Amino acid sequence: MISDVTLLARMNQSDPARALEKACAEFETLFVHQLLKTMAETVPDGLLEDGLAGDIYKDMFYQEVARNIGSTGALGVRDMLKCYLQQHFGEDGKTFQGEVHRKMADIIDKE
C-alpha cells in the first residue's frame, strides 16, 4: 500500500510522469485489496482459524496479493486510470487553471 505520501509528493516535483505511474499503481493495489476482502466475505471459513490472529493473517495475505497485482498492473486499472488522467490532465497528470472547465464545456456543447 502507500508507504509514504510525502515521498510521492516529492517525486511529483521532480518527475511528475513517474509519480503519476506510482499513484495509479497504488490505486490499483488499494482497489484489489478491497476486492479481495469483499470476495473473502462470501467464502466460508475453513483454512484459517477464526479470531483476531486469523483476521490479521488474512488481511496481510490480501495486502501482499494486492501489492503484487498492483505492481504488475494485472487487472489493467492502473493503465486505464493513467490513460484517463493523461488524456484529461496532460502527460504529467497536471492541468492548467481552467483547462478542466473548458474541456467539460466542450463535452457538454457536443451533446
Protein backbone atom coordinates (compact mmCIF):
# COMPACT_ATOMS: atom_id res chain seq x y z
CA MET A 1 0.00 0.00 0.00
CA ILE A 2 1.02 3.61 0.06
CA SER A 3 4.18 3.70 2.09
CA ASP A 4 4.87 7.42 2.14
CA VAL A 5 2.63 10.10 0.67
CA THR A 6 5.30 12.78 1.14
CA LEU A 7 7.67 10.70 -0.99
CA LEU A 8 5.06 10.66 -3.74
CA ALA A 9 4.63 14.44 -3.42
CA ARG A 10 8.40 15.00 -3.71
CA MET A 11 8.51 12.63 -6.68
CA ASN A 12 5.77 14.71 -8.29
CA GLN A 13 8.02 17.78 -8.05
CA SER A 14 10.98 16.14 -9.80
CA ASP A 15 9.35 13.54 -12.08
CA PRO A 16 5.58 14.01 -12.48
CA ALA A 17 5.17 11.21 -15.02
CA ARG A 18 6.76 8.68 -12.65
CA ALA A 19 4.68 9.99 -9.74
CA LEU A 20 1.53 9.55 -11.82
CA GLU A 21 2.53 5.97 -12.62
CA LYS A 22 3.19 5.23 -8.94
CA ALA A 23 -0.09 6.82 -7.81
CA CYS A 24 -2.06 4.80 -10.36
CA ALA A 25 -0.30 1.59 -9.26
CA GLU A 26 -1.10 2.40 -5.62
CA PHE A 27 -4.74 2.97 -6.54
CA GLU A 28 -4.89 -0.43 -8.24
CA THR A 29 -3.32 -2.01 -5.15
CA LEU A 30 -5.94 -0.43 -2.87
CA PHE A 31 -8.72 -1.45 -5.24
CA VAL A 32 -7.54 -5.07 -5.42
CA HIS A 33 -7.14 -5.25 -1.63
CA GLN A 34 -10.71 -4.11 -1.12
CA LEU A 35 -11.89 -6.51 -3.83
CA LEU A 36 -10.14 -9.46 -2.15
CA LYS A 37 -11.55 -8.59 1.28
CA THR A 38 -15.06 -8.32 -0.13
CA MET A 39 -14.73 -11.57 -2.04
CA ALA A 40 -13.42 -13.36 1.05
CA GLU A 41 -16.58 -12.47 2.96
CA THR A 42 -18.56 -14.69 0.59
CA VAL A 43 -16.38 -17.75 1.21
CA PRO A 44 -16.94 -19.85 4.32
CA ASP A 45 -14.09 -20.01 6.83
CA GLY A 46 -12.15 -23.20 6.97
CA LEU A 47 -8.48 -22.86 6.17
CA LEU A 48 -7.63 -20.30 8.82
CA GLU A 49 -8.87 -20.09 12.36
CA ASP A 50 -11.44 -17.53 13.37
CA GLY A 51 -10.47 -14.70 15.64
CA LEU A 52 -8.09 -11.79 15.62
CA ALA A 53 -4.99 -13.76 14.59
CA GLY A 54 -6.75 -15.30 11.60
CA ASP A 55 -8.16 -11.93 10.55
CA ILE A 56 -4.73 -10.30 10.74
CA TYR A 57 -3.10 -13.08 8.76
CA LYS A 58 -5.80 -12.97 6.08
CA ASP A 59 -5.51 -9.20 5.77
CA MET A 60 -1.72 -9.45 5.45
CA PHE A 61 -2.17 -12.10 2.77
CA TYR A 62 -4.65 -9.90 0.86
CA GLN A 63 -2.28 -6.92 1.12
CA GLU A 64 0.60 -8.90 -0.36
CA VAL A 65 -1.50 -10.33 -3.19
CA ALA A 66 -2.88 -6.84 -3.89
CA ARG A 67 0.65 -5.36 -3.86
CA ASN A 68 1.81 -7.93 -6.42
CA ILE A 69 -1.20 -7.37 -8.66
CA GLY A 70 -0.88 -3.58 -8.33
CA SER A 71 2.82 -3.59 -9.17
CA THR A 72 2.30 -5.66 -12.32
CA GLY A 73 -0.93 -3.95 -13.36
CA ALA A 74 -2.55 -7.33 -13.93
CA LEU A 75 -6.13 -6.02 -13.76
CA GLY A 76 -5.42 -3.07 -16.02
CA VAL A 77 -6.88 -0.50 -13.64
CA ARG A 78 -3.51 1.23 -13.34
CA ASP A 79 -3.15 1.63 -17.10
CA MET A 80 -6.75 2.75 -17.65
CA LEU A 81 -6.53 5.33 -14.86
CA LYS A 82 -3.18 6.62 -16.12
CA CYS A 83 -4.51 6.89 -19.68
CA TYR A 84 -7.62 8.73 -18.48
CA LEU A 85 -5.63 11.18 -16.37
CA GLN A 86 -3.17 11.85 -19.19
CA GLN A 87 -5.98 12.49 -21.66
CA HIS A 88 -7.80 14.87 -19.37
CA PHE A 89 -4.96 16.47 -17.41
CA GLY A 90 -1.90 16.23 -19.65
CA GLU A 91 1.02 13.84 -19.87
CA ASP A 92 2.22 14.57 -16.36
CA GLY A 93 -1.22 14.37 -14.75
CA LYS A 94 -1.42 18.11 -14.12
CA THR A 95 -3.68 20.70 -15.64
CA PHE A 96 -3.63 24.43 -16.02
CA GLN A 97 -6.15 26.64 -14.28
CA GLY A 98 -9.50 26.49 -16.09
CA GLU A 99 -8.47 23.78 -18.55
CA VAL A 100 -10.75 21.20 -16.95
CA HIS A 101 -13.69 23.58 -17.13
CA ARG A 102 -13.01 24.27 -20.81
CA LYS A 103 -12.85 20.55 -21.55
CA MET A 104 -16.09 19.93 -19.67
CA ALA A 105 -17.74 22.79 -21.56
CA ASP A 106 -16.58 21.26 -24.84
CA ILE A 107 -18.05 17.89 -23.85
CA ILE A 108 -21.36 19.48 -22.88
CA ASP A 109 -21.50 21.51 -26.09
CA LYS A 110 -21.02 18.37 -28.19
CA GLU A 111 -24.05 16.76 -26.58
